[in-house]
mmCIF file of all heavy atoms, coordinates in Angstrom:
data_MODEL
# 
_entry.id   MODEL 
# 
loop_
_atom_site.group_PDB 
_atom_site.id 
_atom_site.type_symbol 
_atom_site.label_atom_id 
_atom_site.label_alt_id 
_atom_site.label_comp_id 
_atom_site.label_asym_id 
_atom_site.label_entity_id 
_atom_site.label_seq_id 
_atom_site.pdbx_PDB_ins_code 
_atom_site.Cartn_x 
_atom_site.Cartn_y 
_atom_site.Cartn_z 
_atom_site.occupancy 
_atom_site.B_iso_or_equiv 
_atom_site.pdbx_formal_charge 
_atom_site.auth_seq_id 
_atom_site.auth_comp_id 
_atom_site.auth_asym_id 
_atom_site.auth_atom_id 
_atom_site.pdbx_PDB_model_num 
ATOM 1   N N   . ILE A 1 1  ? -63.634 47.671 -37.902 1.00 0.00 ? 1  ILE A N   1 
ATOM 2   C CA  . ILE A 1 1  ? -63.447 48.711 -36.975 1.00 0.00 ? 1  ILE A CA  1 
ATOM 3   C C   . ILE A 1 1  ? -64.830 49.285 -36.485 1.00 0.00 ? 1  ILE A C   1 
ATOM 4   O O   . ILE A 1 1  ? -65.845 49.052 -37.114 1.00 0.00 ? 1  ILE A O   1 
ATOM 5   C CB  . ILE A 1 1  ? -62.612 49.930 -37.489 1.00 0.00 ? 1  ILE A CB  1 
ATOM 6   C CG1 . ILE A 1 1  ? -63.216 50.546 -38.685 1.00 0.00 ? 1  ILE A CG1 1 
ATOM 7   C CG2 . ILE A 1 1  ? -61.210 49.408 -37.762 1.00 0.00 ? 1  ILE A CG2 1 
ATOM 8   C CD1 . ILE A 1 1  ? -62.435 51.742 -39.193 1.00 0.00 ? 1  ILE A CD1 1 
ATOM 9   N N   . ALA A 1 2  ? -64.808 49.886 -35.356 1.00 0.00 ? 2  ALA A N   1 
ATOM 10  C CA  . ALA A 1 2  ? -65.978 50.502 -34.714 1.00 0.00 ? 2  ALA A CA  1 
ATOM 11  C C   . ALA A 1 2  ? -65.593 51.875 -34.080 1.00 0.00 ? 2  ALA A C   1 
ATOM 12  O O   . ALA A 1 2  ? -64.472 51.955 -33.607 1.00 0.00 ? 2  ALA A O   1 
ATOM 13  C CB  . ALA A 1 2  ? -66.576 49.583 -33.670 1.00 0.00 ? 2  ALA A CB  1 
ATOM 14  N N   . ALA A 1 3  ? -66.553 52.774 -34.107 1.00 0.00 ? 3  ALA A N   1 
ATOM 15  C CA  . ALA A 1 3  ? -66.282 54.024 -33.433 1.00 0.00 ? 3  ALA A CA  1 
ATOM 16  C C   . ALA A 1 3  ? -66.237 53.774 -31.948 1.00 0.00 ? 3  ALA A C   1 
ATOM 17  O O   . ALA A 1 3  ? -66.978 53.020 -31.412 1.00 0.00 ? 3  ALA A O   1 
ATOM 18  C CB  . ALA A 1 3  ? -67.377 55.018 -33.765 1.00 0.00 ? 3  ALA A CB  1 
ATOM 19  N N   . ARG A 1 4  ? -65.242 54.397 -31.220 1.00 0.00 ? 4  ARG A N   1 
ATOM 20  C CA  . ARG A 1 4  ? -65.094 54.303 -29.796 1.00 0.00 ? 4  ARG A CA  1 
ATOM 21  C C   . ARG A 1 4  ? -65.297 55.601 -29.101 1.00 0.00 ? 4  ARG A C   1 
ATOM 22  O O   . ARG A 1 4  ? -64.931 56.621 -29.601 1.00 0.00 ? 4  ARG A O   1 
ATOM 23  C CB  . ARG A 1 4  ? -63.664 53.748 -29.525 1.00 0.00 ? 4  ARG A CB  1 
ATOM 24  C CG  . ARG A 1 4  ? -63.352 52.451 -30.194 1.00 0.00 ? 4  ARG A CG  1 
ATOM 25  C CD  . ARG A 1 4  ? -61.902 52.147 -29.840 1.00 0.00 ? 4  ARG A CD  1 
ATOM 26  N NE  . ARG A 1 4  ? -61.032 53.149 -30.391 1.00 0.00 ? 4  ARG A NE  1 
ATOM 27  C CZ  . ARG A 1 4  ? -59.956 52.921 -31.193 1.00 0.00 ? 4  ARG A CZ  1 
ATOM 28  N NH1 . ARG A 1 4  ? -59.609 51.774 -31.554 1.00 0.00 ? 4  ARG A NH1 1 
ATOM 29  N NH2 . ARG A 1 4  ? -59.240 53.926 -31.657 1.00 0.00 ? 4  ARG A NH2 1 
ATOM 30  N N   . GLY A 1 5  ? -65.839 55.509 -27.890 1.00 0.00 ? 5  GLY A N   1 
ATOM 31  C CA  . GLY A 1 5  ? -65.905 56.735 -27.035 1.00 0.00 ? 5  GLY A CA  1 
ATOM 32  C C   . GLY A 1 5  ? -66.575 57.881 -27.757 1.00 0.00 ? 5  GLY A C   1 
ATOM 33  O O   . GLY A 1 5  ? -67.668 57.743 -28.287 1.00 0.00 ? 5  GLY A O   1 
ATOM 34  N N   . ALA A 1 6  ? -65.889 59.025 -27.778 1.00 0.00 ? 6  ALA A N   1 
ATOM 35  C CA  . ALA A 1 6  ? -66.448 60.226 -28.424 1.00 0.00 ? 6  ALA A CA  1 
ATOM 36  C C   . ALA A 1 6  ? -66.589 60.096 -29.937 1.00 0.00 ? 6  ALA A C   1 
ATOM 37  O O   . ALA A 1 6  ? -67.353 60.780 -30.551 1.00 0.00 ? 6  ALA A O   1 
ATOM 38  C CB  . ALA A 1 6  ? -65.533 61.411 -28.118 1.00 0.00 ? 6  ALA A CB  1 
ATOM 39  N N   . GLU A 1 7  ? -65.833 59.117 -30.523 1.00 0.00 ? 7  GLU A N   1 
ATOM 40  C CA  . GLU A 1 7  ? -65.970 58.928 -31.924 1.00 0.00 ? 7  GLU A CA  1 
ATOM 41  C C   . GLU A 1 7  ? -67.408 58.463 -32.328 1.00 0.00 ? 7  GLU A C   1 
ATOM 42  O O   . GLU A 1 7  ? -67.817 58.717 -33.502 1.00 0.00 ? 7  GLU A O   1 
ATOM 43  C CB  . GLU A 1 7  ? -64.999 57.807 -32.397 1.00 0.00 ? 7  GLU A CB  1 
ATOM 44  C CG  . GLU A 1 7  ? -63.587 58.150 -32.296 1.00 0.00 ? 7  GLU A CG  1 
ATOM 45  C CD  . GLU A 1 7  ? -62.687 56.978 -32.523 1.00 0.00 ? 7  GLU A CD  1 
ATOM 46  O OE1 . GLU A 1 7  ? -63.084 55.836 -32.477 1.00 0.00 ? 7  GLU A OE1 1 
ATOM 47  O OE2 . GLU A 1 7  ? -61.432 57.244 -32.927 1.00 0.00 ? 7  GLU A OE2 1 
ATOM 48  N N   . ARG A 1 8  ? -68.078 57.873 -31.396 1.00 0.00 ? 8  ARG A N   1 
ATOM 49  C CA  . ARG A 1 8  ? -69.524 57.480 -31.677 1.00 0.00 ? 8  ARG A CA  1 
ATOM 50  C C   . ARG A 1 8  ? -70.367 58.698 -32.002 1.00 0.00 ? 8  ARG A C   1 
ATOM 51  O O   . ARG A 1 8  ? -71.367 58.638 -32.751 1.00 0.00 ? 8  ARG A O   1 
ATOM 52  C CB  . ARG A 1 8  ? -70.139 56.714 -30.492 1.00 0.00 ? 8  ARG A CB  1 
ATOM 53  C CG  . ARG A 1 8  ? -69.468 55.289 -30.341 1.00 0.00 ? 8  ARG A CG  1 
ATOM 54  C CD  . ARG A 1 8  ? -70.091 54.583 -29.271 1.00 0.00 ? 8  ARG A CD  1 
ATOM 55  N NE  . ARG A 1 8  ? -69.531 55.198 -27.994 1.00 0.00 ? 8  ARG A NE  1 
ATOM 56  C CZ  . ARG A 1 8  ? -69.908 54.904 -26.753 1.00 0.00 ? 8  ARG A CZ  1 
ATOM 57  N NH1 . ARG A 1 8  ? -70.894 54.148 -26.584 1.00 0.00 ? 8  ARG A NH1 1 
ATOM 58  N NH2 . ARG A 1 8  ? -69.345 55.497 -25.728 1.00 0.00 ? 8  ARG A NH2 1 
ATOM 59  N N   . GLU A 1 9  ? -70.012 59.904 -31.431 1.00 0.00 ? 9  GLU A N   1 
ATOM 60  C CA  . GLU A 1 9  ? -70.739 61.130 -31.687 1.00 0.00 ? 9  GLU A CA  1 
ATOM 61  C C   . GLU A 1 9  ? -70.206 61.857 -32.908 1.00 0.00 ? 9  GLU A C   1 
ATOM 62  O O   . GLU A 1 9  ? -70.990 62.316 -33.718 1.00 0.00 ? 9  GLU A O   1 
ATOM 63  C CB  . GLU A 1 9  ? -70.656 62.016 -30.466 1.00 0.00 ? 9  GLU A CB  1 
ATOM 64  C CG  . GLU A 1 9  ? -71.397 61.525 -29.209 1.00 0.00 ? 9  GLU A CG  1 
ATOM 65  C CD  . GLU A 1 9  ? -72.858 61.329 -29.417 1.00 0.00 ? 9  GLU A CD  1 
ATOM 66  O OE1 . GLU A 1 9  ? -73.444 62.256 -29.982 1.00 0.00 ? 9  GLU A OE1 1 
ATOM 67  O OE2 . GLU A 1 9  ? -73.389 60.368 -28.914 1.00 0.00 ? 9  GLU A OE2 1 
ATOM 68  N N   . VAL A 1 10 ? -68.871 62.013 -33.018 1.00 0.00 ? 10 VAL A N   1 
ATOM 69  C CA  . VAL A 1 10 ? -68.265 62.819 -34.066 1.00 0.00 ? 10 VAL A CA  1 
ATOM 70  C C   . VAL A 1 10 ? -67.879 61.995 -35.270 1.00 0.00 ? 10 VAL A C   1 
ATOM 71  O O   . VAL A 1 10 ? -67.610 62.566 -36.363 1.00 0.00 ? 10 VAL A O   1 
ATOM 72  C CB  . VAL A 1 10 ? -67.097 63.644 -33.494 1.00 0.00 ? 10 VAL A CB  1 
ATOM 73  C CG1 . VAL A 1 10 ? -67.588 64.591 -32.448 1.00 0.00 ? 10 VAL A CG1 1 
ATOM 74  C CG2 . VAL A 1 10 ? -66.005 62.791 -33.027 1.00 0.00 ? 10 VAL A CG2 1 
ATOM 75  N N   . GLY A 1 11 ? -67.698 60.695 -35.114 1.00 0.00 ? 11 GLY A N   1 
ATOM 76  C CA  . GLY A 1 11 ? -67.273 59.904 -36.219 1.00 0.00 ? 11 GLY A CA  1 
ATOM 77  C C   . GLY A 1 11 ? -65.803 59.477 -36.071 1.00 0.00 ? 11 GLY A C   1 
ATOM 78  O O   . GLY A 1 11 ? -64.963 60.216 -35.495 1.00 0.00 ? 11 GLY A O   1 
ATOM 79  N N   . ARG A 1 12 ? -65.532 58.305 -36.600 1.00 0.00 ? 12 ARG A N   1 
ATOM 80  C CA  . ARG A 1 12 ? -64.057 57.785 -36.608 1.00 0.00 ? 12 ARG A CA  1 
ATOM 81  C C   . ARG A 1 12 ? -63.609 57.988 -38.041 1.00 0.00 ? 12 ARG A C   1 
ATOM 82  O O   . ARG A 1 12 ? -64.192 57.523 -39.006 1.00 0.00 ? 12 ARG A O   1 
ATOM 83  C CB  . ARG A 1 12 ? -64.037 56.416 -36.276 1.00 0.00 ? 12 ARG A CB  1 
ATOM 84  C CG  . ARG A 1 12 ? -62.611 55.800 -36.229 1.00 0.00 ? 12 ARG A CG  1 
ATOM 85  C CD  . ARG A 1 12 ? -62.564 54.423 -35.646 1.00 0.00 ? 12 ARG A CD  1 
ATOM 86  N NE  . ARG A 1 12 ? -61.233 53.962 -35.641 1.00 0.00 ? 12 ARG A NE  1 
ATOM 87  C CZ  . ARG A 1 12 ? -60.839 52.833 -35.043 1.00 0.00 ? 12 ARG A CZ  1 
ATOM 88  N NH1 . ARG A 1 12 ? -61.714 52.152 -34.385 1.00 0.00 ? 12 ARG A NH1 1 
ATOM 89  N NH2 . ARG A 1 12 ? -59.581 52.492 -35.098 1.00 0.00 ? 12 ARG A NH2 1 
ATOM 90  N N   . LEU A 1 13 ? -62.515 58.796 -38.213 1.00 0.00 ? 13 LEU A N   1 
ATOM 91  C CA  . LEU A 1 13 ? -62.036 59.184 -39.525 1.00 0.00 ? 13 LEU A CA  1 
ATOM 92  C C   . LEU A 1 13 ? -61.226 58.076 -40.121 1.00 0.00 ? 13 LEU A C   1 
ATOM 93  O O   . LEU A 1 13 ? -60.257 57.572 -39.502 1.00 0.00 ? 13 LEU A O   1 
ATOM 94  C CB  . LEU A 1 13 ? -61.208 60.445 -39.330 1.00 0.00 ? 13 LEU A CB  1 
ATOM 95  C CG  . LEU A 1 13 ? -60.816 61.153 -40.639 1.00 0.00 ? 13 LEU A CG  1 
ATOM 96  C CD1 . LEU A 1 13 ? -61.998 61.539 -41.447 1.00 0.00 ? 13 LEU A CD1 1 
ATOM 97  C CD2 . LEU A 1 13 ? -60.051 62.406 -40.352 1.00 0.00 ? 13 LEU A CD2 1 
ATOM 98  N N   . VAL A 1 14 ? -61.534 57.660 -41.351 1.00 0.00 ? 14 VAL A N   1 
ATOM 99  C CA  . VAL A 1 14 ? -60.767 56.743 -42.156 1.00 0.00 ? 14 VAL A CA  1 
ATOM 100 C C   . VAL A 1 14 ? -60.233 57.633 -43.276 1.00 0.00 ? 14 VAL A C   1 
ATOM 101 O O   . VAL A 1 14 ? -60.934 58.291 -44.008 1.00 0.00 ? 14 VAL A O   1 
ATOM 102 C CB  . VAL A 1 14 ? -61.689 55.615 -42.666 1.00 0.00 ? 14 VAL A CB  1 
ATOM 103 C CG1 . VAL A 1 14 ? -60.886 54.723 -43.623 1.00 0.00 ? 14 VAL A CG1 1 
ATOM 104 C CG2 . VAL A 1 14 ? -62.325 54.828 -41.597 1.00 0.00 ? 14 VAL A CG2 1 
ATOM 105 N N   . ILE A 1 15 ? -58.906 57.530 -43.460 1.00 0.00 ? 15 ILE A N   1 
ATOM 106 C CA  . ILE A 1 15 ? -58.170 58.320 -44.462 1.00 0.00 ? 15 ILE A CA  1 
ATOM 107 C C   . ILE A 1 15 ? -57.354 57.429 -45.298 1.00 0.00 ? 15 ILE A C   1 
ATOM 108 O O   . ILE A 1 15 ? -56.637 56.585 -44.780 1.00 0.00 ? 15 ILE A O   1 
ATOM 109 C CB  . ILE A 1 15 ? -57.380 59.384 -43.836 1.00 0.00 ? 15 ILE A CB  1 
ATOM 110 C CG1 . ILE A 1 15 ? -58.181 60.369 -42.936 1.00 0.00 ? 15 ILE A CG1 1 
ATOM 111 C CG2 . ILE A 1 15 ? -56.594 60.254 -44.856 1.00 0.00 ? 15 ILE A CG2 1 
ATOM 112 C CD1 . ILE A 1 15 ? -57.301 61.291 -42.173 1.00 0.00 ? 15 ILE A CD1 1 
ATOM 113 N N   . LEU A 1 16 ? -57.293 57.702 -46.595 1.00 0.00 ? 16 LEU A N   1 
ATOM 114 C CA  . LEU A 1 16 ? -56.349 57.018 -47.515 1.00 0.00 ? 16 LEU A CA  1 
ATOM 115 C C   . LEU A 1 16 ? -55.801 58.047 -48.489 1.00 0.00 ? 16 LEU A C   1 
ATOM 116 O O   . LEU A 1 16 ? -56.534 58.708 -49.212 1.00 0.00 ? 16 LEU A O   1 
ATOM 117 C CB  . LEU A 1 16 ? -57.119 55.973 -48.323 1.00 0.00 ? 16 LEU A CB  1 
ATOM 118 C CG  . LEU A 1 16 ? -56.436 55.231 -49.435 1.00 0.00 ? 16 LEU A CG  1 
ATOM 119 C CD1 . LEU A 1 16 ? -55.157 54.519 -48.912 1.00 0.00 ? 16 LEU A CD1 1 
ATOM 120 C CD2 . LEU A 1 16 ? -57.371 54.244 -50.129 1.00 0.00 ? 16 LEU A CD2 1 
ATOM 121 N N   . THR A 1 17 ? -54.487 58.197 -48.419 1.00 0.00 ? 17 THR A N   1 
ATOM 122 C CA  . THR A 1 17 ? -53.753 59.110 -49.343 1.00 0.00 ? 17 THR A CA  1 
ATOM 123 C C   . THR A 1 17 ? -52.828 58.361 -50.173 1.00 0.00 ? 17 THR A C   1 
ATOM 124 O O   . THR A 1 17 ? -51.768 57.866 -49.697 1.00 0.00 ? 17 THR A O   1 
ATOM 125 C CB  . THR A 1 17 ? -53.038 60.157 -48.524 1.00 0.00 ? 17 THR A CB  1 
ATOM 126 O OG1 . THR A 1 17 ? -53.925 60.802 -47.621 1.00 0.00 ? 17 THR A OG1 1 
ATOM 127 C CG2 . THR A 1 17 ? -52.425 61.181 -49.420 1.00 0.00 ? 17 THR A CG2 1 
ATOM 128 N N   . PRO A 1 18 ? -53.185 58.108 -51.465 1.00 0.00 ? 18 PRO A N   1 
ATOM 129 C CA  . PRO A 1 18 ? -52.285 57.352 -52.356 1.00 0.00 ? 18 PRO A CA  1 
ATOM 130 C C   . PRO A 1 18 ? -51.163 58.228 -52.872 1.00 0.00 ? 18 PRO A C   1 
ATOM 131 O O   . PRO A 1 18 ? -51.303 59.419 -53.003 1.00 0.00 ? 18 PRO A O   1 
ATOM 132 C CB  . PRO A 1 18 ? -53.200 56.962 -53.471 1.00 0.00 ? 18 PRO A CB  1 
ATOM 133 C CG  . PRO A 1 18 ? -54.279 58.002 -53.536 1.00 0.00 ? 18 PRO A CG  1 
ATOM 134 C CD  . PRO A 1 18 ? -54.423 58.443 -52.094 1.00 0.00 ? 18 PRO A CD  1 
ATOM 135 N N   . GLY A 1 19 ? -50.049 57.609 -53.195 1.00 0.00 ? 19 GLY A N   1 
ATOM 136 C CA  . GLY A 1 19 ? -48.897 58.326 -53.741 1.00 0.00 ? 19 GLY A CA  1 
ATOM 137 C C   . GLY A 1 19 ? -49.050 58.373 -55.294 1.00 0.00 ? 19 GLY A C   1 
ATOM 138 O O   . GLY A 1 19 ? -50.157 58.134 -55.842 1.00 0.00 ? 19 GLY A O   1 
ATOM 139 N N   . HIS A 1 20 ? -48.005 58.735 -55.941 1.00 0.00 ? 20 HIS A N   1 
ATOM 140 C CA  . HIS A 1 20 ? -48.017 58.901 -57.407 1.00 0.00 ? 20 HIS A CA  1 
ATOM 141 C C   . HIS A 1 20 ? -47.981 57.570 -58.064 1.00 0.00 ? 20 HIS A C   1 
ATOM 142 O O   . HIS A 1 20 ? -47.243 56.660 -57.618 1.00 0.00 ? 20 HIS A O   1 
ATOM 143 C CB  . HIS A 1 20 ? -46.811 59.797 -57.906 1.00 0.00 ? 20 HIS A CB  1 
ATOM 144 C CG  . HIS A 1 20 ? -47.050 61.217 -57.492 1.00 0.00 ? 20 HIS A CG  1 
ATOM 145 N ND1 . HIS A 1 20 ? -46.575 61.791 -56.371 1.00 0.00 ? 20 HIS A ND1 1 
ATOM 146 C CD2 . HIS A 1 20 ? -47.773 62.182 -58.102 1.00 0.00 ? 20 HIS A CD2 1 
ATOM 147 C CE1 . HIS A 1 20 ? -46.973 63.047 -56.349 1.00 0.00 ? 20 HIS A CE1 1 
ATOM 148 N NE2 . HIS A 1 20 ? -47.636 63.289 -57.347 1.00 0.00 ? 20 HIS A NE2 1 
ATOM 149 N N   . VAL A 1 21 ? -48.697 57.491 -59.202 1.00 0.00 ? 21 VAL A N   1 
ATOM 150 C CA  . VAL A 1 21 ? -48.717 56.298 -60.047 1.00 0.00 ? 21 VAL A CA  1 
ATOM 151 C C   . VAL A 1 21 ? -48.589 56.699 -61.455 1.00 0.00 ? 21 VAL A C   1 
ATOM 152 O O   . VAL A 1 21 ? -48.796 57.866 -61.792 1.00 0.00 ? 21 VAL A O   1 
ATOM 153 C CB  . VAL A 1 21 ? -50.017 55.435 -59.868 1.00 0.00 ? 21 VAL A CB  1 
ATOM 154 C CG1 . VAL A 1 21 ? -50.166 54.972 -58.406 1.00 0.00 ? 21 VAL A CG1 1 
ATOM 155 C CG2 . VAL A 1 21 ? -51.198 56.243 -60.237 1.00 0.00 ? 21 VAL A CG2 1 
ATOM 156 N N   . THR A 1 22 ? -48.297 55.731 -62.362 1.00 0.00 ? 22 THR A N   1 
ATOM 157 C CA  . THR A 1 22 ? -48.249 56.046 -63.829 1.00 0.00 ? 22 THR A CA  1 
ATOM 158 C C   . THR A 1 22 ? -49.671 55.960 -64.294 1.00 0.00 ? 22 THR A C   1 
ATOM 159 O O   . THR A 1 22 ? -50.274 54.867 -64.192 1.00 0.00 ? 22 THR A O   1 
ATOM 160 C CB  . THR A 1 22 ? -47.308 55.109 -64.560 1.00 0.00 ? 22 THR A CB  1 
ATOM 161 O OG1 . THR A 1 22 ? -45.966 55.256 -63.902 1.00 0.00 ? 22 THR A OG1 1 
ATOM 162 C CG2 . THR A 1 22 ? -47.243 55.470 -66.013 1.00 0.00 ? 22 THR A CG2 1 
ATOM 163 N N   . LEU A 1 23 ? -50.190 57.039 -64.811 1.00 0.00 ? 23 LEU A N   1 
ATOM 164 C CA  . LEU A 1 23 ? -51.604 57.020 -65.283 1.00 0.00 ? 23 LEU A CA  1 
ATOM 165 C C   . LEU A 1 23 ? -51.620 56.331 -66.680 1.00 0.00 ? 23 LEU A C   1 
ATOM 166 O O   . LEU A 1 23 ? -50.566 56.122 -67.359 1.00 0.00 ? 23 LEU A O   1 
ATOM 167 C CB  . LEU A 1 23 ? -52.116 58.458 -65.457 1.00 0.00 ? 23 LEU A CB  1 
ATOM 168 C CG  . LEU A 1 23 ? -52.151 59.201 -64.055 1.00 0.00 ? 23 LEU A CG  1 
ATOM 169 C CD1 . LEU A 1 23 ? -52.495 60.626 -64.311 1.00 0.00 ? 23 LEU A CD1 1 
ATOM 170 C CD2 . LEU A 1 23 ? -53.107 58.530 -63.100 1.00 0.00 ? 23 LEU A CD2 1 
ATOM 171 N N   . PRO A 1 24 ? -52.792 55.964 -67.232 1.00 0.00 ? 24 PRO A N   1 
ATOM 172 C CA  . PRO A 1 24 ? -52.885 55.310 -68.524 1.00 0.00 ? 24 PRO A CA  1 
ATOM 173 C C   . PRO A 1 24 ? -52.244 56.110 -69.693 1.00 0.00 ? 24 PRO A C   1 
ATOM 174 O O   . PRO A 1 24 ? -51.769 55.523 -70.662 1.00 0.00 ? 24 PRO A O   1 
ATOM 175 C CB  . PRO A 1 24 ? -54.421 55.188 -68.751 1.00 0.00 ? 24 PRO A CB  1 
ATOM 176 C CG  . PRO A 1 24 ? -54.946 55.119 -67.329 1.00 0.00 ? 24 PRO A CG  1 
ATOM 177 C CD  . PRO A 1 24 ? -54.084 56.057 -66.527 1.00 0.00 ? 24 PRO A CD  1 
ATOM 178 N N   . ASP A 1 25 ? -52.182 57.472 -69.568 1.00 0.00 ? 25 ASP A N   1 
ATOM 179 C CA  . ASP A 1 25 ? -51.571 58.233 -70.598 1.00 0.00 ? 25 ASP A CA  1 
ATOM 180 C C   . ASP A 1 25 ? -50.073 58.348 -70.488 1.00 0.00 ? 25 ASP A C   1 
ATOM 181 O O   . ASP A 1 25 ? -49.417 59.115 -71.166 1.00 0.00 ? 25 ASP A O   1 
ATOM 182 C CB  . ASP A 1 25 ? -52.193 59.628 -70.674 1.00 0.00 ? 25 ASP A CB  1 
ATOM 183 C CG  . ASP A 1 25 ? -52.002 60.457 -69.401 1.00 0.00 ? 25 ASP A CG  1 
ATOM 184 O OD1 . ASP A 1 25 ? -51.311 59.971 -68.487 1.00 0.00 ? 25 ASP A OD1 1 
ATOM 185 O OD2 . ASP A 1 25 ? -52.583 61.557 -69.292 1.00 0.00 ? 25 ASP A OD2 1 
ATOM 186 N N   . GLY A 1 26 ? -49.506 57.666 -69.425 1.00 0.00 ? 26 GLY A N   1 
ATOM 187 C CA  . GLY A 1 26 ? -48.045 57.660 -69.276 1.00 0.00 ? 26 GLY A CA  1 
ATOM 188 C C   . GLY A 1 26 ? -47.563 58.712 -68.306 1.00 0.00 ? 26 GLY A C   1 
ATOM 189 O O   . GLY A 1 26 ? -46.344 58.734 -68.034 1.00 0.00 ? 26 GLY A O   1 
# 
């Protein structure tokens, strides 16, 4: 991906929101 238009000035936001998982402690 590349920043486009105004994103070149302010940045293009990449977001990742994971859901719930079982942690090593259960």
